[in-house]
C-alpha atoms as a PDB file:
ATOM      1  CA  MET A   1     104.867 102.909-113.550  1.00  0.00           C
ATOM      2  CA  PHE A   2     106.157  99.690-115.095  1.00  0.00           C
ATOM      3  CA  GLU A   3     109.730 100.784-114.334  1.00  0.00           C
ATOM      4  CA  LYS A   4     108.953 101.179-110.616  1.00  0.00           C
ATOM      5  CA  ALA A   5     107.451  97.695-110.445  1.00  0.00           C
ATOM      6  CA  LYS A   6     110.455  96.325-112.299  1.00  0.00           C
ATOM      7  CA  GLN A   7     112.807  98.099-109.866  1.00  0.00           C
ATOM      8  CA  ARG A   8     110.910  96.768-106.818  1.00  0.00           C
ATOM      9  CA  ALA A   9     111.076  93.230-108.239  1.00  0.00           C
ATOM     10  CA  ALA A  10     114.818  93.580-108.828  1.00  0.00           C
ATOM     11  CA  GLU A  11     115.337  94.868-105.276  1.00  0.00           C
ATOM     12  CA  LYS A  12     113.351  91.957-103.841  1.00  0.00           C
ATOM     13  CA  ALA A  13     115.352  89.457-105.929  1.00  0.00           C
ATOM     14  CA  ALA A  14     118.613  91.011-104.706  1.00  0.00           C
ATOM     15  CA  LYS A  15     117.473  90.633-101.068  1.00  0.00           C
ATOM     16  CA  VAL A  16     116.614  86.959-101.616  1.00  0.00           C
ATOM     17  CA  ASP A  17     119.965  86.354-103.339  1.00  0.00           C
ATOM     18  CA  ALA A  18     121.815  87.984-100.429  1.00  0.00           C
ATOM     19  CA  HIS A  19     119.860  85.824 -97.954  1.00  0.00           C
ATOM     20  CA  ALA A  20     120.597  82.662 -99.973  1.00  0.00           C
ATOM     21  CA  ALA A  21     124.317  83.205 -99.522  1.00  0.00           C
ATOM     22  CA  HIS A  22     123.864  82.852 -95.751  1.00  0.00           C
ATOM     23  CA  VAL A  23     121.494  79.870 -95.617  1.00  0.00           C
ATOM     24  CA  TYR A  24     123.035  77.198 -93.377  1.00  0.00           C
ATOM     25  CA  VAL A  25     122.960  73.764 -95.044  1.00  0.00           C
ATOM     26  CA  SER A  26     123.736  70.582 -93.099  1.00  0.00           C
ATOM     27  CA  THR A  27     123.369  66.878 -93.732  1.00  0.00           C
ATOM     28  CA  LEU A  28     122.587  66.482 -90.030  1.00  0.00           C
ATOM     29  CA  PRO A  29     118.896  66.454 -89.015  1.00  0.00           C
ATOM     30  CA  ILE A  30     119.610  68.850 -86.145  1.00  0.00           C
ATOM     31  CA  GLY A  31     120.823  72.428 -86.118  1.00  0.00           C
ATOM     32  CA  PRO A  32     123.153  74.447 -83.914  1.00  0.00           C
ATOM     33  CA  ARG A  33     120.139  76.404 -82.622  1.00  0.00           C
ATOM     34  CA  PRO A  34     116.467  75.746 -81.838  1.00  0.00           C
ATOM     35  CA  PHE A  35     114.302  75.864 -84.950  1.00  0.00           C
ATOM     36  CA  LYS A  36     110.831  75.487 -86.387  1.00  0.00           C
ATOM     37  CA  GLN A  37     110.261  73.460 -89.528  1.00  0.00           C
ATOM     38  CA  VAL A  38     109.010  75.471 -92.487  1.00  0.00           C
ATOM     39  CA  GLU A  39     108.749  72.933 -95.293  1.00  0.00           C
ATOM     40  CA  VAL A  40     110.472  70.024 -96.994  1.00  0.00           C
ATOM     41  CA  LEU A  41     112.320  71.569 -99.926  1.00  0.00           C
ATOM     42  CA  THR A  42     113.280  69.906-103.199  1.00  0.00           C
ATOM     43  CA  GLY A  43     115.381  71.877-105.649  1.00  0.00           C
ATOM     44  CA  GLU A  44     115.246  71.793-109.428  1.00  0.00           C
ATOM     45  CA  ARG A  45     117.021  69.148-111.499  1.00  0.00           C
ATOM     46  CA  GLU A  46     120.487  70.300-112.499  1.00  0.00           C
ATOM     47  CA  GLY A  47     123.311  68.871-114.588  1.00  0.00           C
ATOM     48  CA  ASP A  48     125.925  69.921-112.030  1.00  0.00           C
ATOM     49  CA  PRO A  49     125.860  69.032-108.299  1.00  0.00           C
ATOM     50  CA  ARG A  50     127.106  72.517-107.328  1.00  0.00           C
ATOM     51  CA  LYS A  51     124.171  74.068-109.166  1.00  0.00           C
ATOM     52  CA  ALA A  52     121.796  71.671-107.404  1.00  0.00           C
ATOM     53  CA  TRP A  53     123.114  72.823-103.990  1.00  0.00           C
ATOM     54  CA  ALA A  54     122.908  76.487-105.057  1.00  0.00           C
ATOM     55  CA  ASN A  55     119.350  75.907-106.247  1.00  0.00           C
ATOM     56  CA  LEU A  56     118.399  74.439-102.855  1.00  0.00           C
ATOM     57  CA  ARG A  57     119.890  77.467-101.055  1.00  0.00           C
ATOM     58  CA  GLN A  58     117.926  79.800-103.336  1.00  0.00           C
ATOM     59  CA  LEU A  59     114.716  77.867-102.710  1.00  0.00           C
ATOM     60  CA  ALA A  60     115.322  78.073 -98.954  1.00  0.00           C
ATOM     61  CA  ALA A  61     115.834  81.830 -99.227  1.00  0.00           C
ATOM     62  CA  ASP A  62     112.614  82.125-101.259  1.00  0.00           C
ATOM     63  CA  HIS A  63     110.815  80.456 -98.319  1.00  0.00           C
ATOM     64  CA  ARG A  64     112.616  82.753 -95.830  1.00  0.00           C
ATOM     65  CA  CYS A  65     114.410  79.798 -94.224  1.00  0.00           C
ATOM     66  CA  ASP A  66     117.542  80.267 -92.147  1.00  0.00           C
ATOM     67  CA  ALA A  67     118.783  76.745 -92.782  1.00  0.00           C
ATOM     68  CA  VAL A  68     118.221  73.452 -94.570  1.00  0.00           C
ATOM     69  CA  LEU A  69     118.716  70.425 -92.308  1.00  0.00           C
ATOM     70  CA  GLY A  70     118.970  66.773 -93.294  1.00  0.00           C
ATOM     71  CA  ALA A  71     120.137  67.944 -96.718  1.00  0.00           C
ATOM     72  CA  ALA A  72     121.068  65.363 -99.328  1.00  0.00           C
ATOM     73  CA  LEU A  73     121.897  65.096-103.001  1.00  0.00           C
ATOM     74  CA  THR A  74     120.561  62.415-105.290  1.00  0.00           C
ATOM     75  CA  SER A  75     121.457  61.710-108.902  1.00  0.00           C
ATOM     76  CA  TRP A  76     120.391  59.601-111.851  1.00  0.00           C
ATOM     77  CA  ASP A  77     121.114  59.257-115.538  1.00  0.00           C
ATOM     78  CA  SER A  78     118.693  60.940-117.933  1.00  0.00           C
ATOM     79  CA  ASP A  79     119.250  60.220-121.625  1.00  0.00           C
ATOM     80  CA  GLY A  80     122.956  59.751-121.014  1.00  0.00           C
ATOM     81  CA  PHE A  81     123.315  62.916-118.919  1.00  0.00           C
ATOM     82  CA  PRO A  82     123.595  63.031-115.139  1.00  0.00           C
ATOM     83  CA  ARG A  83     120.898  64.912-113.230  1.00  0.00           C
ATOM     84  CA  PHE A  84     121.206  66.048-109.618  1.00  0.00           C
ATOM     85  CA  VAL A  85     118.617  67.189-107.085  1.00  0.00           C
ATOM     86  CA  ALA A  86     119.348  68.546-103.615  1.00  0.00           C
ATOM     87  CA  TYR A  87     116.677  68.349-100.930  1.00  0.00           C
ATOM     88  CA  GLY A  88     116.192  68.823 -97.203  1.00  0.00           C
ATOM     89  CA  THR A  89     114.017  70.365 -94.504  1.00  0.00           C
ATOM     90  CA  GLY A  90     113.829  74.141 -94.511  1.00  0.00           C
ATOM     91  CA  VAL A  91     113.794  75.674 -91.008  1.00  0.00           C
ATOM     92  CA  ARG A  92     113.779  79.056 -89.293  1.00  0.00           C
ATOM     93  CA  TRP A  93     115.809  79.669 -86.140  1.00  0.00           C
ATOM     94  CA  THR A  94     113.744  80.427 -83.054  1.00  0.00           C
ATOM     95  CA  PRO A  95     114.714  82.287 -79.914  1.00  0.00           C
ATOM     96  CA  GLU A  96     116.084  80.109 -77.119  1.00  0.00           C
ATOM     97  CA  ASP A  97     113.281  81.126 -74.752  1.00  0.00           C
ATOM     98  CA  GLU A  98     110.592  79.587 -76.995  1.00  0.00           C
ATOM     99  CA  HIS A  99     111.776  76.081 -76.055  1.00  0.00           C
END
């Protein structure tokens, strides 16, 4: 029984990872399609800016977002080590006829 639950969790994680690879991220506050705002997303602190962006994409996928608009990266020094956080507004695309 535990193995089935573990397998289902792994399958769900794989779906989210696959979705994260296709999350559209833009520094612009508008998207190429109509959208509805889901939530303002703030990723985890990372020591590498690429990891911070990847973390934001993963967070967007966890929230079933299609895109992150108005995305930005901020950094600061923490005990002599740089820390980076990516953030933006998670959105889902909507059909054209809803607008």
